[in-house]
Amino acid sequence: EHPLLLKMLKASRIEISENPPQSPMPSEVTPIATVSMELDKSLIDFDSERTKLSAKIENLSSFITTLSRKLSNPGFLSKASPEAVNNEKSKHTQAQEELQKLKTVFQFFK
């Protein structure tokens, strides 16, 4: 066992396997391994998590729409400094990446 890792993750068990998980679960692919976390339905309120994730997805989608409008506005593009435009583009890209991650996580709570 790995007691320090168990404590850090607040996990009850860790399983190290060369085989991919058989059921869908949140995973993170790293250069040296794929780390997966099994969701225990007895410990997680799936309805509550779905509600929270739905709200986050909705808010982030609205934010992306606002940024898209701003970035397609000729007035903003002509008056804003290149740094400001690049900042908004960066926010847009980061928000889209975060939205994709949230949608992926949401799939595990269906």
PDB file of N, CA and C in Angstrom:
ATOM      1  N   GLU A   1       0.832  -1.199   0.000  1.00  0.00           N
ATOM      2  CA  GLU A   1       0.000   0.000   0.000  1.00  0.00           C
ATOM      3  C   GLU A   1       0.868   1.250   0.000  1.00  0.00           C
ATOM      4  N   HIS A   2       0.223   2.354  -0.220  1.00  0.00           N
ATOM      5  CA  HIS A   2       0.878   3.654  -0.281  1.00  0.00           C
ATOM      6  C   HIS A   2       0.187   4.590   0.706  1.00  0.00           C
ATOM      7  N   PRO A   3       0.512   4.484   2.001  1.00  0.00           N
ATOM      8  CA  PRO A   3      -0.221   5.244   3.019  1.00  0.00           C
ATOM      9  C   PRO A   3      -0.190   6.756   2.830  1.00  0.00           C
ATOM     10  N   LEU A   4       0.939   7.298   2.417  1.00  0.00           N
ATOM     11  CA  LEU A   4       1.025   8.741   2.224  1.00  0.00           C
ATOM     12  C   LEU A   4       0.118   9.181   1.081  1.00  0.00           C
ATOM     13  N   LEU A   5       0.141   8.437   0.000  1.00  0.00           N
ATOM     14  CA  LEU A   5      -0.706   8.750  -1.139  1.00  0.00           C
ATOM     15  C   LEU A   5      -2.188   8.616  -0.774  1.00  0.00           C
ATOM     16  N   LEU A   6      -2.540   7.589  -0.036  1.00  0.00           N
ATOM     17  CA  LEU A   6      -3.925   7.419   0.428  1.00  0.00           C
ATOM     18  C   LEU A   6      -4.370   8.630   1.236  1.00  0.00           C
ATOM     19  N   LYS A   7      -3.503   9.082   2.129  1.00  0.00           N
ATOM     20  CA  LYS A   7      -3.838  10.224   2.978  1.00  0.00           C
ATOM     21  C   LYS A   7      -3.971  11.497   2.150  1.00  0.00           C
ATOM     22  N   MET A   8      -3.038  11.710   1.220  1.00  0.00           N
ATOM     23  CA  MET A   8      -3.074  12.914   0.394  1.00  0.00           C
ATOM     24  C   MET A   8      -4.331  12.956  -0.477  1.00  0.00           C
ATOM     25  N   LEU A   9      -4.733  11.820  -0.992  1.00  0.00           N
ATOM     26  CA  LEU A   9      -5.902  11.756  -1.871  1.00  0.00           C
ATOM     27  C   LEU A   9      -7.215  11.574  -1.118  1.00  0.00           C
ATOM     28  N   LYS A  10      -7.091  11.349   0.192  1.00  0.00           N
ATOM     29  CA  LYS A  10      -8.266  11.031   1.005  1.00  0.00           C
ATOM     30  C   LYS A  10      -9.015   9.862   0.376  1.00  0.00           C
ATOM     31  N   ALA A  11      -8.241   8.853   0.012  1.00  0.00           N
ATOM     32  CA  ALA A  11      -8.787   7.672  -0.647  1.00  0.00           C
ATOM     33  C   ALA A  11      -8.763   6.492   0.314  1.00  0.00           C
ATOM     34  N   SER A  12      -9.660   5.561   0.087  1.00  0.00           N
ATOM     35  CA  SER A  12      -9.688   4.372   0.928  1.00  0.00           C
ATOM     36  C   SER A  12      -8.833   3.261   0.341  1.00  0.00           C
ATOM     37  N   ARG A  13      -8.598   3.341  -0.981  1.00  0.00           N
ATOM     38  CA  ARG A  13      -7.778   2.310  -1.602  1.00  0.00           C
ATOM     39  C   ARG A  13      -7.192   2.843  -2.898  1.00  0.00           C
ATOM     40  N   ILE A  14      -6.025   2.326  -3.238  1.00  0.00           N
ATOM     41  CA  ILE A  14      -5.366   2.660  -4.499  1.00  0.00           C
ATOM     42  C   ILE A  14      -5.032   1.350  -5.182  1.00  0.00           C
ATOM     43  N   GLU A  15      -5.357   1.289  -6.438  1.00  0.00           N
ATOM     44  CA  GLU A  15      -5.053   0.092  -7.213  1.00  0.00           C
ATOM     45  C   GLU A  15      -4.161   0.499  -8.374  1.00  0.00           C
ATOM     46  N   ILE A  16      -3.041  -0.176  -8.510  1.00  0.00           N
ATOM     47  CA  ILE A  16      -2.132   0.093  -9.610  1.00  0.00           C
ATOM     48  C   ILE A  16      -2.259  -1.066 -10.588  1.00  0.00           C
ATOM     49  N   SER A  17      -2.592  -0.699 -11.822  1.00  0.00           N
ATOM     50  CA  SER A  17      -2.850  -1.726 -12.825  1.00  0.00           C
ATOM     51  C   SER A  17      -2.301  -1.292 -14.170  1.00  0.00           C
ATOM     52  N   GLU A  18      -1.904  -2.247 -14.965  1.00  0.00           N
ATOM     53  CA  GLU A  18      -1.450  -1.951 -16.319  1.00  0.00           C
ATOM     54  C   GLU A  18      -2.626  -1.912 -17.288  1.00  0.00           C
ATOM     55  N   ASN A  19      -3.793  -2.353 -16.834  1.00  0.00           N
ATOM     56  CA  ASN A  19      -4.977  -2.401 -17.693  1.00  0.00           C
ATOM     57  C   ASN A  19      -5.822  -1.148 -17.511  1.00  0.00           C
ATOM     58  N   PRO A  20      -6.411  -0.648 -18.599  1.00  0.00           N
ATOM     59  CA  PRO A  20      -7.283   0.526 -18.466  1.00  0.00           C
ATOM     60  C   PRO A  20      -8.554   0.157 -17.701  1.00  0.00           C
ATOM     61  N   PRO A  21      -9.199   1.139 -17.096  1.00  0.00           N
ATOM     62  CA  PRO A  21     -10.432   0.858 -16.355  1.00  0.00           C
ATOM     63  C   PRO A  21     -11.512   0.308 -17.281  1.00  0.00           C
ATOM     64  N   GLN A  22     -12.333  -0.576 -16.752  1.00  0.00           N
ATOM     65  CA  GLN A  22     -13.395  -1.192 -17.538  1.00  0.00           C
ATOM     66  C   GLN A  22     -14.650  -0.324 -17.619  1.00  0.00           C
ATOM     67  N   SER A  23     -14.845   0.533 -16.646  1.00  0.00           N
ATOM     68  CA  SER A  23     -16.016   1.409 -16.665  1.00  0.00           C
ATOM     69  C   SER A  23     -15.551   2.851 -16.832  1.00  0.00           C
ATOM     70  N   PRO A  24     -16.421   3.722 -17.363  1.00  0.00           N
ATOM     71  CA  PRO A  24     -16.015   5.118 -17.524  1.00  0.00           C
ATOM     72  C   PRO A  24     -15.766   5.768 -16.170  1.00  0.00           C
ATOM     73  N   MET A  25     -14.708   6.534 -16.091  1.00  0.00           N
ATOM     74  CA  MET A  25     -14.395   7.249 -14.865  1.00  0.00           C
ATOM     75  C   MET A  25     -13.446   8.393 -15.197  1.00  0.00           C
ATOM     76  N   PRO A  26     -13.429   9.425 -14.363  1.00  0.00           N
ATOM     77  CA  PRO A  26     -12.507  10.526 -14.611  1.00  0.00           C
ATOM     78  C   PRO A  26     -11.071  10.013 -14.672  1.00  0.00           C
ATOM     79  N   SER A  27     -10.352  10.440 -15.693  1.00  0.00           N
ATOM     80  CA  SER A  27      -8.971  10.012 -15.883  1.00  0.00           C
ATOM     81  C   SER A  27      -8.128  11.193 -16.328  1.00  0.00           C
ATOM     82  N   GLU A  28      -6.859  11.111 -16.018  1.00  0.00           N
ATOM     83  CA  GLU A  28      -5.904  12.111 -16.467  1.00  0.00           C
ATOM     84  C   GLU A  28      -4.717  11.359 -17.053  1.00  0.00           C
ATOM     85  N   VAL A  29      -4.402  11.663 -18.293  1.00  0.00           N
ATOM     86  CA  VAL A  29      -3.280  11.018 -18.956  1.00  0.00           C
ATOM     87  C   VAL A  29      -2.041  11.878 -18.739  1.00  0.00           C
ATOM     88  N   THR A  30      -0.996  11.251 -18.220  1.00  0.00           N
ATOM     89  CA  THR A  30       0.279  11.932 -18.012  1.00  0.00           C
ATOM     90  C   THR A  30       1.340  11.222 -18.849  1.00  0.00           C
ATOM     91  N   PRO A  31       2.514  11.800 -18.988  1.00  0.00           N
ATOM     92  CA  PRO A  31       3.554  11.127 -19.774  1.00  0.00           C
ATOM     93  C   PRO A  31       3.957   9.753 -19.230  1.00  0.00           C
ATOM     94  N   ILE A  32       3.769   9.531 -17.923  1.00  0.00           N
ATOM     95  CA  ILE A  32       4.218   8.259 -17.358  1.00  0.00           C
ATOM     96  C   ILE A  32       3.094   7.299 -16.985  1.00  0.00           C
ATOM     97  N   ALA A  33       1.861   7.799 -16.921  1.00  0.00           N
ATOM     98  CA  ALA A  33       0.761   6.924 -16.514  1.00  0.00           C
ATOM     99  C   ALA A  33      -0.583   7.583 -16.783  1.00  0.00           C
ATOM    100  N   THR A  34      -1.613   6.770 -16.738  1.00  0.00           N
ATOM    101  CA  THR A  34      -2.977   7.279 -16.759  1.00  0.00           C
ATOM    102  C   THR A  34      -3.547   7.064 -15.366  1.00  0.00           C
ATOM    103  N   VAL A  35      -4.005   8.135 -14.751  1.00  0.00           N
ATOM    104  CA  VAL A  35      -4.560   8.068 -13.412  1.00  0.00           C
ATOM    105  C   VAL A  35      -6.074   8.154 -13.531  1.00  0.00           C
ATOM    106  N   SER A  36      -6.765   7.159 -12.966  1.00  0.00           N
ATOM    107  CA  SER A  36      -8.225   7.126 -13.016  1.00  0.00           C
ATOM    108  C   SER A  36      -8.775   7.115 -11.606  1.00  0.00           C
ATOM    109  N   MET A  37      -9.955   7.701 -11.440  1.00  0.00           N
ATOM    110  CA  MET A  37     -10.584   7.748 -10.130  1.00  0.00           C
ATOM    111  C   MET A  37     -11.989   7.167 -10.235  1.00  0.00           C
ATOM    112  N   GLU A  38     -12.212   6.094  -9.525  1.00  0.00           N
ATOM    113  CA  GLU A  38     -13.528   5.482  -9.527  1.00  0.00           C
ATOM    114  C   GLU A  38     -14.452   6.309  -8.634  1.00  0.00           C
ATOM    115  N   LEU A  39     -15.636   6.588  -9.140  1.00  0.00           N
ATOM    116  CA  LEU A  39     -16.603   7.371  -8.378  1.00  0.00           C
ATOM    117  C   LEU A  39     -17.500   6.433  -7.583  1.00  0.00           C
ATOM    118  N   ASP A  40     -17.528   6.625  -6.292  1.00  0.00           N
ATOM    119  CA  ASP A  40     -18.334   5.789  -5.409  1.00  0.00           C
ATOM    120  C   ASP A  40     -19.677   6.481  -5.189  1.00  0.00           C
ATOM    121  N   LYS A  41     -20.728   5.892  -5.745  1.00  0.00           N
ATOM    122  CA  LYS A  41     -22.052   6.513  -5.656  1.00  0.00           C
ATOM    123  C   LYS A  41     -22.574   6.614  -4.231  1.00  0.00           C
ATOM    124  N   SER A  42     -22.016   5.833  -3.328  1.00  0.00           N
ATOM    125  CA  SER A  42     -22.462   5.930  -1.937  1.00  0.00           C
ATOM    126  C   SER A  42     -21.830   7.129  -1.224  1.00  0.00           C
ATOM    127  N   LEU A  43     -20.776   7.683  -1.808  1.00  0.00           N
ATOM    128  CA  LEU A  43     -20.083   8.811  -1.185  1.00  0.00           C
ATOM    129  C   LEU A  43     -20.366  10.142  -1.869  1.00  0.00           C
ATOM    130  N   ILE A  44     -20.902  10.085  -3.082  1.00  0.00           N
ATOM    131  CA  ILE A  44     -21.102  11.294  -3.873  1.00  0.00           C
ATOM    132  C   ILE A  44     -22.584  11.451  -4.195  1.00  0.00           C
ATOM    133  N   ASP A  45     -23.101  12.639  -3.986  1.00  0.00           N
ATOM    134  CA  ASP A  45     -24.478  12.950  -4.356  1.00  0.00           C
ATOM    135  C   ASP A  45     -24.483  13.333  -5.844  1.00  0.00           C
ATOM    136  N   PHE A  46     -24.788  12.351  -6.700  1.00  0.00           N
ATOM    137  CA  PHE A  46     -24.706  12.565  -8.142  1.00  0.00           C
ATOM    138  C   PHE A  46     -25.660  13.657  -8.621  1.00  0.00           C
ATOM    139  N   ASP A  47     -26.857  13.723  -8.060  1.00  0.00           N
ATOM    140  CA  ASP A  47     -27.806  14.763  -8.468  1.00  0.00           C
ATOM    141  C   ASP A  47     -27.263  16.152  -8.161  1.00  0.00           C
ATOM    142  N   SER A  48     -26.691  16.306  -6.995  1.00  0.00           N
ATOM    143  CA  SER A  48     -26.122  17.591  -6.598  1.00  0.00           C
ATOM    144  C   SER A  48     -24.941  17.961  -7.494  1.00  0.00           C
ATOM    145  N   GLU A  49     -24.088  17.003  -7.773  1.00  0.00           N
ATOM    146  CA  GLU A  49     -22.934  17.263  -8.639  1.00  0.00           C
ATOM    147  C   GLU A  49     -23.375  17.631 -10.052  1.00  0.00           C
ATOM    148  N   ARG A  50     -24.395  16.943 -10.572  1.00  0.00           N
ATOM    149  CA  ARG A  50     -24.920  17.275 -11.904  1.00  0.00           C
ATOM    150  C   ARG A  50     -25.449  18.702 -11.925  1.00  0.00           C
ATOM    151  N   THR A  51     -26.155  19.083 -10.878  1.00  0.00           N
ATOM    152  CA  THR A  51     -26.713  20.431 -10.790  1.00  0.00           C
ATOM    153  C   THR A  51     -25.598  21.470 -10.765  1.00  0.00           C
ATOM    154  N   LYS A  52     -24.566  21.234  -9.944  1.00  0.00           N
ATOM    155  CA  LYS A  52     -23.430  22.170  -9.863  1.00  0.00           C
ATOM    156  C   LYS A  52     -22.712  22.271 -11.203  1.00  0.00           C
ATOM    157  N   LEU A  53     -22.446  21.118 -11.811  1.00  0.00           N
ATOM    158  CA  LEU A  53     -21.731  21.127 -13.086  1.00  0.00           C
ATOM    159  C   LEU A  53     -22.559  21.797 -14.178  1.00  0.00           C
ATOM    160  N   SER A  54     -23.860  21.554 -14.187  1.00  0.00           N
ATOM    161  CA  SER A  54     -24.733  22.189 -15.187  1.00  0.00           C
ATOM    162  C   SER A  54     -24.676  23.707 -15.058  1.00  0.00           C
ATOM    163  N   ALA A  55     -24.708  24.187 -13.826  1.00  0.00           N
ATOM    164  CA  ALA A  55     -24.641  25.632 -13.600  1.00  0.00           C
ATOM    165  C   ALA A  55     -23.294  26.197 -14.065  1.00  0.00           C
ATOM    166  N   LYS A  56     -22.217  25.494 -13.750  1.00  0.00           N
ATOM    167  CA  LYS A  56     -20.888  25.954 -14.183  1.00  0.00           C
ATOM    168  C   LYS A  56     -20.791  25.964 -15.705  1.00  0.00           C
ATOM    169  N   ILE A  57     -21.318  24.923 -16.340  1.00  0.00           N
ATOM    170  CA  ILE A  57     -21.288  24.832 -17.807  1.00  0.00           C
ATOM    171  C   ILE A  57     -22.096  25.968 -18.419  1.00  0.00           C
ATOM    172  N   GLU A  58     -23.256  26.243 -17.863  1.00  0.00           N
ATOM    173  CA  GLU A  58     -24.108  27.320 -18.374  1.00  0.00           C
ATOM    174  C   GLU A  58     -23.423  28.683 -18.223  1.00  0.00           C
ATOM    175  N   ASN A  59     -22.842  28.933 -17.051  1.00  0.00           N
ATOM    176  CA  ASN A  59     -22.156  30.213 -16.807  1.00  0.00           C
ATOM    177  C   ASN A  59     -20.951  30.379 -17.721  1.00  0.00           C
ATOM    178  N   LEU A  60     -20.189  29.331 -17.877  1.00  0.00           N
ATOM    179  CA  LEU A  60     -19.005  29.406 -18.725  1.00  0.00           C
ATOM    180  C   LEU A  60     -19.393  29.571 -20.195  1.00  0.00           C
ATOM    181  N   SER A  61     -20.456  28.916 -20.613  1.00  0.00           N
ATOM    182  CA  SER A  61     -20.944  29.075 -21.986  1.00  0.00           C
ATOM    183  C   SER A  61     -21.359  30.515 -22.248  1.00  0.00           C
ATOM    184  N   SER A  62     -22.021  31.133 -21.290  1.00  0.00           N
ATOM    185  CA  SER A  62     -22.415  32.540 -21.420  1.00  0.00           C
ATOM    186  C   SER A  62     -21.183  33.442 -21.503  1.00  0.00           C
ATOM    187  N   PHE A  63     -20.187  33.147 -20.680  1.00  0.00           N
ATOM    188  CA  PHE A  63     -18.949  33.921 -20.686  1.00  0.00           C
ATOM    189  C   PHE A  63     -18.261  33.811 -22.049  1.00  0.00           C
ATOM    190  N   ILE A  64     -18.232  32.604 -22.604  1.00  0.00           N
ATOM    191  CA  ILE A  64     -17.615  32.388 -23.919  1.00  0.00           C
ATOM    192  C   ILE A  64     -18.376  33.156 -24.994  1.00  0.00           C
ATOM    193  N   THR A  65     -19.695  33.164 -24.915  1.00  0.00           N
ATOM    194  CA  THR A  65     -20.511  33.918 -25.873  1.00  0.00           C
ATOM    195  C   THR A  65     -20.176  35.404 -25.794  1.00  0.00           C
ATOM    196  N   THR A  66     -20.056  35.930 -24.581  1.00  0.00           N
ATOM    197  CA  THR A  66     -19.709  37.341 -24.389  1.00  0.00           C
ATOM    198  C   THR A  66     -18.336  37.650 -24.988  1.00  0.00           C
ATOM    199  N   LEU A  67     -17.371  36.779 -24.718  1.00  0.00           N
ATOM    200  CA  LEU A  67     -16.035  36.990 -25.276  1.00  0.00           C
ATOM    201  C   LEU A  67     -16.040  36.889 -26.797  1.00  0.00           C
ATOM    202  N   SER A  68     -16.810  35.959 -27.340  1.00  0.00           N
ATOM    203  CA  SER A  68     -16.894  35.802 -28.800  1.00  0.00           C
ATOM    204  C   SER A  68     -17.458  37.061 -29.447  1.00  0.00           C
ATOM    205  N   ARG A  69     -18.506  37.612 -28.824  1.00  0.00           N
ATOM    206  CA  ARG A  69     -19.090  38.856 -29.349  1.00  0.00           C
ATOM    207  C   ARG A  69     -18.069  39.992 -29.320  1.00  0.00           C
ATOM    208  N   LYS A  70     -17.358  40.081 -28.213  1.00  0.00           N
ATOM    209  CA  LYS A  70     -16.365  41.136 -28.064  1.00  0.00           C
ATOM    210  C   LYS A  70     -15.276  40.999 -29.127  1.00  0.00           C
ATOM    211  N   LEU A  71     -14.816  39.767 -29.341  1.00  0.00           N
ATOM    212  CA  LEU A  71     -13.735  39.529 -30.296  1.00  0.00           C
ATOM    213  C   LEU A  71     -14.180  39.641 -31.752  1.00  0.00           C
ATOM    214  N   SER A  72     -15.489  39.626 -31.979  1.00  0.00           N
ATOM    215  CA  SER A  72     -15.971  39.802 -33.352  1.00  0.00           C
ATOM    216  C   SER A  72     -16.495  41.226 -33.587  1.00  0.00           C
ATOM    217  N   ASN A  73     -16.347  42.077 -32.572  1.00  0.00           N
ATOM    218  CA  ASN A  73     -16.792  43.455 -32.665  1.00  0.00           C
ATOM    219  C   ASN A  73     -15.682  44.305 -33.297  1.00  0.00           C
ATOM    220  N   PRO A  74     -15.928  44.819 -34.517  1.00  0.00           N
ATOM    221  CA  PRO A  74     -14.897  45.633 -35.176  1.00  0.00           C
ATOM    222  C   PRO A  74     -14.500  46.863 -34.357  1.00  0.00           C
ATOM    223  N   GLY A  75     -15.439  47.431 -33.616  1.00  0.00           N
ATOM    224  CA  GLY A  75     -15.140  48.600 -32.784  1.00  0.00           C
ATOM    225  C   GLY A  75     -14.122  48.261 -31.708  1.00  0.00           C
ATOM    226  N   PHE A  76     -14.313  47.139 -31.046  1.00  0.00           N
ATOM    227  CA  PHE A  76     -13.357  46.721 -30.010  1.00  0.00           C
ATOM    228  C   PHE A  76     -11.993  46.451 -30.630  1.00  0.00           C
ATOM    229  N   LEU A  77     -11.998  45.726 -31.732  1.00  0.00           N
ATOM    230  CA  LEU A  77     -10.739  45.347 -32.370  1.00  0.00           C
ATOM    231  C   LEU A  77      -9.949  46.554 -32.876  1.00  0.00           C
ATOM    232  N   SER A  78     -10.670  47.583 -33.326  1.00  0.00           N
ATOM    233  CA  SER A  78      -9.968  48.753 -33.859  1.00  0.00           C
ATOM    234  C   SER A  78      -9.478  49.702 -32.759  1.00  0.00           C
ATOM    235  N   LYS A  79     -10.173  49.727 -31.620  1.00  0.00           N
ATOM    236  CA  LYS A  79      -9.822  50.665 -30.554  1.00  0.00           C
ATOM    237  C   LYS A  79      -8.921  50.064 -29.475  1.00  0.00           C
ATOM    238  N   ALA A  80      -9.016  48.753 -29.265  1.00  0.00           N
ATOM    239  CA  ALA A  80      -8.255  48.115 -28.184  1.00  0.00           C
ATOM    240  C   ALA A  80      -6.794  47.936 -28.578  1.00  0.00           C
ATOM    241  N   SER A  81      -5.957  47.951 -27.576  1.00  0.00           N
ATOM    242  CA  SER A  81      -4.532  47.702 -27.830  1.00  0.00           C
ATOM    243  C   SER A  81      -4.349  46.233 -28.209  1.00  0.00           C
ATOM    244  N   PRO A  82      -3.278  45.922 -28.908  1.00  0.00           N
ATOM    245  CA  PRO A  82      -3.017  44.514 -29.247  1.00  0.00           C
ATOM    246  C   PRO A  82      -2.929  43.623 -27.998  1.00  0.00           C
ATOM    247  N   GLU A  83      -2.394  44.176 -26.911  1.00  0.00           N
ATOM    248  CA  GLU A  83      -2.308  43.407 -25.666  1.00  0.00           C
ATOM    249  C   GLU A  83      -3.692  43.073 -25.128  1.00  0.00           C
ATOM    250  N   ALA A  84      -4.614  44.036 -25.194  1.00  0.00           N
ATOM    251  CA  ALA A  84      -5.976  43.808 -24.715  1.00  0.00           C
ATOM    252  C   ALA A  84      -6.682  42.758 -25.575  1.00  0.00           C
ATOM    253  N   VAL A  85      -6.497  42.840 -26.881  1.00  0.00           N
ATOM    254  CA  VAL A  85      -7.102  41.853 -27.781  1.00  0.00           C
ATOM    255  C   VAL A  85      -6.533  40.467 -27.493  1.00  0.00           C
ATOM    256  N   ASN A  86      -5.218  40.383 -27.347  1.00  0.00           N
ATOM    257  CA  ASN A  86      -4.588  39.095 -27.044  1.00  0.00           C
ATOM    258  C   ASN A  86      -5.042  38.550 -25.700  1.00  0.00           C
ATOM    259  N   ASN A  87      -5.248  39.435 -24.731  1.00  0.00           N
ATOM    260  CA  ASN A  87      -5.740  39.029 -23.420  1.00  0.00           C
ATOM    261  C   ASN A  87      -7.133  38.412 -23.537  1.00  0.00           C
ATOM    262  N   GLU A  88      -7.997  39.036 -24.309  1.00  0.00           N
ATOM    263  CA  GLU A  88      -9.354  38.518 -24.494  1.00  0.00           C
ATOM    264  C   GLU A  88      -9.336  37.192 -25.266  1.00  0.00           C
ATOM    265  N   LYS A  89      -8.451  37.085 -26.247  1.00  0.00           N
ATOM    266  CA  LYS A  89      -8.313  35.828 -26.992  1.00  0.00           C
ATOM    267  C   LYS A  89      -7.843  34.711 -26.063  1.00  0.00           C
ATOM    268  N   SER A  90      -6.916  35.049 -25.185  1.00  0.00           N
ATOM    269  CA  SER A  90      -6.408  34.067 -24.225  1.00  0.00           C
ATOM    270  C   SER A  90      -7.511  33.614 -23.278  1.00  0.00           C
ATOM    271  N   LYS A  91      -8.289  34.557 -22.767  1.00  0.00           N
ATOM    272  CA  LYS A  91      -9.428  34.224 -21.898  1.00  0.00           C
ATOM    273  C   LYS A  91     -10.398  33.295 -22.630  1.00  0.00           C
ATOM    274  N   HIS A  92     -10.653  33.600 -23.909  1.00  0.00           N
ATOM    275  CA  HIS A  92     -11.578  32.814 -24.719  1.00  0.00           C
ATOM    276  C   HIS A  92     -11.076  31.377 -24.864  1.00  0.00           C
ATOM    277  N   THR A  93      -9.802  31.235 -25.188  1.00  0.00           N
ATOM    278  CA  THR A  93      -9.213  29.900 -25.350  1.00  0.00           C
ATOM    279  C   THR A  93      -9.254  29.119 -24.040  1.00  0.00           C
ATOM    280  N   GLN A  94      -8.878  29.772 -22.946  1.00  0.00           N
ATOM    281  CA  GLN A  94      -8.888  29.105 -21.641  1.00  0.00           C
ATOM    282  C   GLN A  94     -10.302  28.704 -21.240  1.00  0.00           C
ATOM    283  N   ALA A  95     -11.261  29.559 -21.508  1.00  0.00           N
ATOM    284  CA  ALA A  95     -12.651  29.255 -21.164  1.00  0.00           C
ATOM    285  C   ALA A  95     -13.164  28.073 -21.988  1.00  0.00           C
ATOM    286  N   GLN A  96     -12.801  28.021 -23.256  1.00  0.00           N
ATOM    287  CA  GLN A  96     -13.222  26.896 -24.097  1.00  0.00           C
ATOM    288  C   GLN A  96     -12.608  25.587 -23.609  1.00  0.00           C
ATOM    289  N   GLU A  97     -11.348  25.628 -23.209  1.00  0.00           N
ATOM    290  CA  GLU A  97     -10.690  24.436 -22.682  1.00  0.00           C
ATOM    291  C   GLU A  97     -11.364  23.980 -21.390  1.00  0.00           C
ATOM    292  N   GLU A  98     -11.656  24.921 -20.506  1.00  0.00           N
ATOM    293  CA  GLU A  98     -12.315  24.599 -19.246  1.00  0.00           C
ATOM    294  C   GLU A  98     -13.715  24.038 -19.499  1.00  0.00           C
ATOM    295  N   LEU A  99     -14.429  24.613 -20.457  1.00  0.00           N
ATOM    296  CA  LEU A  99     -15.765  24.124 -20.788  1.00  0.00           C
ATOM    297  C   LEU A  99     -15.701  22.675 -21.258  1.00  0.00           C
ATOM    298  N   GLN A 100     -14.734  22.352 -22.085  1.00  0.00           N
ATOM    299  CA  GLN A 100     -14.587  20.976 -22.562  1.00  0.00           C
ATOM    300  C   GLN A 100     -14.316  20.023 -21.407  1.00  0.00           C
ATOM    301  N   LYS A 101     -13.473  20.449 -20.466  1.00  0.00           N
ATOM    302  CA  LYS A 101     -13.185  19.617 -19.292  1.00  0.00           C
ATOM    303  C   LYS A 101     -14.439  19.400 -18.455  1.00  0.00           C
ATOM    304  N   LEU A 102     -15.208  20.472 -18.239  1.00  0.00           N
ATOM    305  CA  LEU A 102     -16.438  20.344 -17.456  1.00  0.00           C
ATOM    306  C   LEU A 102     -17.430  19.409 -18.134  1.00  0.00           C
ATOM    307  N   LYS A 103     -17.539  19.502 -19.441  1.00  0.00           N
ATOM    308  CA  LYS A 103     -18.455  18.615 -20.177  1.00  0.00           C
ATOM    309  C   LYS A 103     -18.007  17.162 -20.071  1.00  0.00           C
ATOM    310  N   THR A 104     -16.711  16.947 -20.081  1.00  0.00           N
ATOM    311  CA  THR A 104     -16.191  15.592 -19.928  1.00  0.00           C
ATOM    312  C   THR A 104     -16.519  15.049 -18.539  1.00  0.00           C
ATOM    313  N   VAL A 105     -16.280  15.846 -17.514  1.00  0.00           N
ATOM    314  CA  VAL A 105     -16.590  15.431 -16.154  1.00  0.00           C
ATOM    315  C   VAL A 105     -18.081  15.181 -15.994  1.00  0.00           C
ATOM    316  N   PHE A 106     -18.895  16.039 -16.617  1.00  0.00           N
ATOM    317  CA  PHE A 106     -20.352  15.885 -16.519  1.00  0.00           C
ATOM    318  C   PHE A 106     -20.808  14.509 -16.997  1.00  0.00           C
ATOM    319  N   GLN A 107     -20.135  13.979 -18.009  1.00  0.00           N
ATOM    320  CA  GLN A 107     -20.503  12.663 -18.557  1.00  0.00           C
ATOM    321  C   GLN A 107     -20.415  11.557 -17.507  1.00  0.00           C
ATOM    322  N   PHE A 108     -19.540  11.720 -16.538  1.00  0.00           N
ATOM    323  CA  PHE A 108     -19.375  10.699 -15.499  1.00  0.00           C
ATOM    324  C   PHE A 108     -20.496  10.724 -14.464  1.00  0.00           C
ATOM    325  N   PHE A 109     -21.297  11.767 -14.480  1.00  0.00           N
ATOM    326  CA  PHE A 109     -22.364  11.891 -13.498  1.00  0.00           C
ATOM    327  C   PHE A 109     -23.739  11.611 -14.110  1.00  0.00           C
ATOM    328  N   LYS A 110     -23.755  11.031 -15.282  1.00  0.00           N
ATOM    329  CA  LYS A 110     -25.039  10.678 -15.916  1.00  0.00           C
ATOM    330  C   LYS A 110     -25.551   9.374 -15.385  1.00  0.00           C
TER     331      LYS A 110
END
